[in-house]
Amino acid sequence: MIYVNVHRSQNEILVAACDEEILGKSFSEGDVNLKVSKGFYRGDLVPIKELSKLLSSATIANLTGNRVVEEAINLGFVEREHVIEISGVKHAQLVVL
């Protein structure tokens, strides 16, 4: 399961998705810090198979967690070379132009 929170503002649809078990945790490596905040990511708890539908309607996506990022790669939304890893946790952002 993953947490998904959809933020809407004017013509933008931002999908924030993270692996269930990392919600509320923080990760750091060197000067890079990543906080998986409940206020931003916690929305609906859904099966990972719903990610495709959600990302199809997104203009922006913020994806955190190994499972959610790997699923986005497998679905063709994210390219592996654009993924960063912080303390073993994958993170990717998507912008549709």
C-alpha atoms as a PDB file:
ATOM      1  CA  MET A   1       0.000   0.000   0.000  1.00  0.00           C
ATOM      2  CA  ILE A   2       1.052   3.572  -0.618  1.00  0.00           C
ATOM      3  CA  TYR A   3      -0.108   6.941   0.637  1.00  0.00           C
ATOM      4  CA  VAL A   4      -1.301   9.329  -2.054  1.00  0.00           C
ATOM      5  CA  ASN A   5      -2.292  12.931  -1.575  1.00  0.00           C
ATOM      6  CA  VAL A   6      -3.539  14.903  -4.573  1.00  0.00           C
ATOM      7  CA  HIS A   7      -3.028  18.660  -4.361  1.00  0.00           C
ATOM      8  CA  ARG A   8      -4.938  20.852  -6.830  1.00  0.00           C
ATOM      9  CA  SER A   9      -4.125  24.473  -7.610  1.00  0.00           C
ATOM     10  CA  GLN A  10      -5.530  26.263 -10.648  1.00  0.00           C
ATOM     11  CA  ASN A  11      -4.548  24.056 -13.619  1.00  0.00           C
ATOM     12  CA  GLU A  12      -1.974  21.976 -11.740  1.00  0.00           C
ATOM     13  CA  ILE A  13      -2.511  18.531 -10.248  1.00  0.00           C
ATOM     14  CA  LEU A  14       0.307  17.506  -7.927  1.00  0.00           C
ATOM     15  CA  VAL A  15       0.391  13.871  -6.880  1.00  0.00           C
ATOM     16  CA  ALA A  16       2.420  13.187  -3.742  1.00  0.00           C
ATOM     17  CA  ALA A  17       2.945   9.460  -3.185  1.00  0.00           C
ATOM     18  CA  CYS A  18       5.088   7.501  -0.756  1.00  0.00           C
ATOM     19  CA  ASP A  19       5.540   3.976   0.536  1.00  0.00           C
ATOM     20  CA  GLU A  20       3.308   3.413   3.548  1.00  0.00           C
ATOM     21  CA  GLU A  21       6.098   2.521   5.972  1.00  0.00           C
ATOM     22  CA  ILE A  22       8.160   5.701   5.482  1.00  0.00           C
ATOM     23  CA  LEU A  23       5.415   8.266   6.114  1.00  0.00           C
ATOM     24  CA  GLY A  24       6.540  10.694   8.809  1.00  0.00           C
ATOM     25  CA  LYS A  25      10.202   9.682   8.615  1.00  0.00           C
ATOM     26  CA  SER A  26      13.233  11.768   7.659  1.00  0.00           C
ATOM     27  CA  PHE A  27      16.311  10.705   5.755  1.00  0.00           C
ATOM     28  CA  SER A  28      19.617  12.463   5.242  1.00  0.00           C
ATOM     29  CA  GLU A  29      22.845  11.834   3.411  1.00  0.00           C
ATOM     30  CA  GLY A  30      25.565  14.462   3.352  1.00  0.00           C
ATOM     31  CA  ASP A  31      23.936  17.855   2.816  1.00  0.00           C
ATOM     32  CA  VAL A  32      20.703  16.348   1.411  1.00  0.00           C
ATOM     33  CA  ASN A  33      17.676  15.978   3.693  1.00  0.00           C
ATOM     34  CA  LEU A  34      14.360  14.393   2.826  1.00  0.00           C
ATOM     35  CA  LYS A  35      11.336  14.642   5.107  1.00  0.00           C
ATOM     36  CA  VAL A  36       8.337  12.478   4.216  1.00  0.00           C
ATOM     37  CA  SER A  37       5.889  14.760   5.972  1.00  0.00           C
ATOM     38  CA  LYS A  38       2.408  13.623   6.889  1.00  0.00           C
ATOM     39  CA  GLY A  39       0.958  16.991   5.896  1.00  0.00           C
ATOM     40  CA  PHE A  40       2.194  16.646   2.323  1.00  0.00           C
ATOM     41  CA  TYR A  41       2.039  12.896   1.610  1.00  0.00           C
ATOM     42  CA  ARG A  42      -0.744  11.512   3.814  1.00  0.00           C
ATOM     43  CA  GLY A  43      -3.965  11.271   1.901  1.00  0.00           C
ATOM     44  CA  ASP A  44      -5.560   8.025   0.858  1.00  0.00           C
ATOM     45  CA  LEU A  45      -3.932   4.667   1.534  1.00  0.00           C
ATOM     46  CA  VAL A  46      -4.278   2.823  -1.788  1.00  0.00           C
ATOM     47  CA  PRO A  47      -2.893  -0.248  -3.545  1.00  0.00           C
ATOM     48  CA  ILE A  48       0.211   0.542  -5.584  1.00  0.00           C
ATOM     49  CA  LYS A  49      -1.594  -0.568  -8.774  1.00  0.00           C
ATOM     50  CA  GLU A  50      -3.597   2.708  -8.595  1.00  0.00           C
ATOM     51  CA  LEU A  51      -0.444   4.755  -9.183  1.00  0.00           C
ATOM     52  CA  SER A  52      -0.732   4.523 -12.979  1.00  0.00           C
ATOM     53  CA  LYS A  53      -4.162   6.164 -13.035  1.00  0.00           C
ATOM     54  CA  LEU A  54      -3.068   8.866 -10.603  1.00  0.00           C
ATOM     55  CA  LEU A  55       0.121   9.724 -12.478  1.00  0.00           C
ATOM     56  CA  SER A  56      -1.755   9.824 -15.792  1.00  0.00           C
ATOM     57  CA  SER A  57      -3.701  12.852 -14.570  1.00  0.00           C
ATOM     58  CA  ALA A  58      -0.781  14.546 -12.779  1.00  0.00           C
ATOM     59  CA  THR A  59       1.027  17.629 -14.023  1.00  0.00           C
ATOM     60  CA  ILE A  60       3.551  17.300 -11.183  1.00  0.00           C
ATOM     61  CA  ALA A  61       4.438  14.315  -9.014  1.00  0.00           C
ATOM     62  CA  ASN A  62       6.602  13.911  -5.943  1.00  0.00           C
ATOM     63  CA  LEU A  63       7.395  10.233  -5.365  1.00  0.00           C
ATOM     64  CA  THR A  64       9.250   8.879  -2.353  1.00  0.00           C
ATOM     65  CA  GLY A  65      10.015   5.300  -1.405  1.00  0.00           C
ATOM     66  CA  ASN A  66      11.584   2.360  -3.167  1.00  0.00           C
ATOM     67  CA  ARG A  67       8.345   0.639  -4.158  1.00  0.00           C
ATOM     68  CA  VAL A  68       6.520   3.734  -5.411  1.00  0.00           C
ATOM     69  CA  VAL A  69       9.522   4.966  -7.435  1.00  0.00           C
ATOM     70  CA  GLU A  70      10.169   1.505  -8.929  1.00  0.00           C
ATOM     71  CA  GLU A  71       6.501   1.288  -9.943  1.00  0.00           C
ATOM     72  CA  ALA A  72       6.708   4.713 -11.614  1.00  0.00           C
ATOM     73  CA  ILE A  73       9.816   3.537 -13.498  1.00  0.00           C
ATOM     74  CA  ASN A  74       8.107   0.295 -14.573  1.00  0.00           C
ATOM     75  CA  LEU A  75       5.088   2.272 -15.785  1.00  0.00           C
ATOM     76  CA  GLY A  76       7.295   4.587 -17.849  1.00  0.00           C
ATOM     77  CA  PHE A  77       6.625   7.802 -15.917  1.00  0.00           C
ATOM     78  CA  VAL A  78      10.164   8.121 -14.503  1.00  0.00           C
ATOM     79  CA  GLU A  79      13.550   7.275 -15.985  1.00  0.00           C
ATOM     80  CA  ARG A  80      15.913   5.436 -13.651  1.00  0.00           C
ATOM     81  CA  GLU A  81      18.791   7.872 -14.280  1.00  0.00           C
ATOM     82  CA  HIS A  82      16.678  10.715 -12.859  1.00  0.00           C
ATOM     83  CA  VAL A  83      16.104   9.021  -9.505  1.00  0.00           C
ATOM     84  CA  ILE A  84      18.073  10.070  -6.448  1.00  0.00           C
ATOM     85  CA  GLU A  85      18.661   7.897  -3.409  1.00  0.00           C
ATOM     86  CA  ILE A  86      19.017   9.268   0.108  1.00  0.00           C
ATOM     87  CA  SER A  87      20.074   6.793   2.800  1.00  0.00           C
ATOM     88  CA  GLY A  88      18.740   3.956   0.648  1.00  0.00           C
ATOM     89  CA  VAL A  89      15.363   5.618  -0.059  1.00  0.00           C
ATOM     90  CA  LYS A  90      14.509   6.476  -3.665  1.00  0.00           C
ATOM     91  CA  HIS A  91      13.003   9.831  -4.604  1.00  0.00           C
ATOM     92  CA  ALA A  92      11.840  11.178  -7.970  1.00  0.00           C
ATOM     93  CA  GLN A  93       9.950  14.187  -9.206  1.00  0.00           C
ATOM     94  CA  LEU A  94       7.908  14.423 -12.370  1.00  0.00           C
ATOM     95  CA  VAL A  95       6.828  17.530 -14.257  1.00  0.00           C
ATOM     96  CA  VAL A  96       4.652  17.325 -17.354  1.00  0.00           C
ATOM     97  CA  LEU A  97       5.313  20.178 -19.752  1.00  0.00           C
END
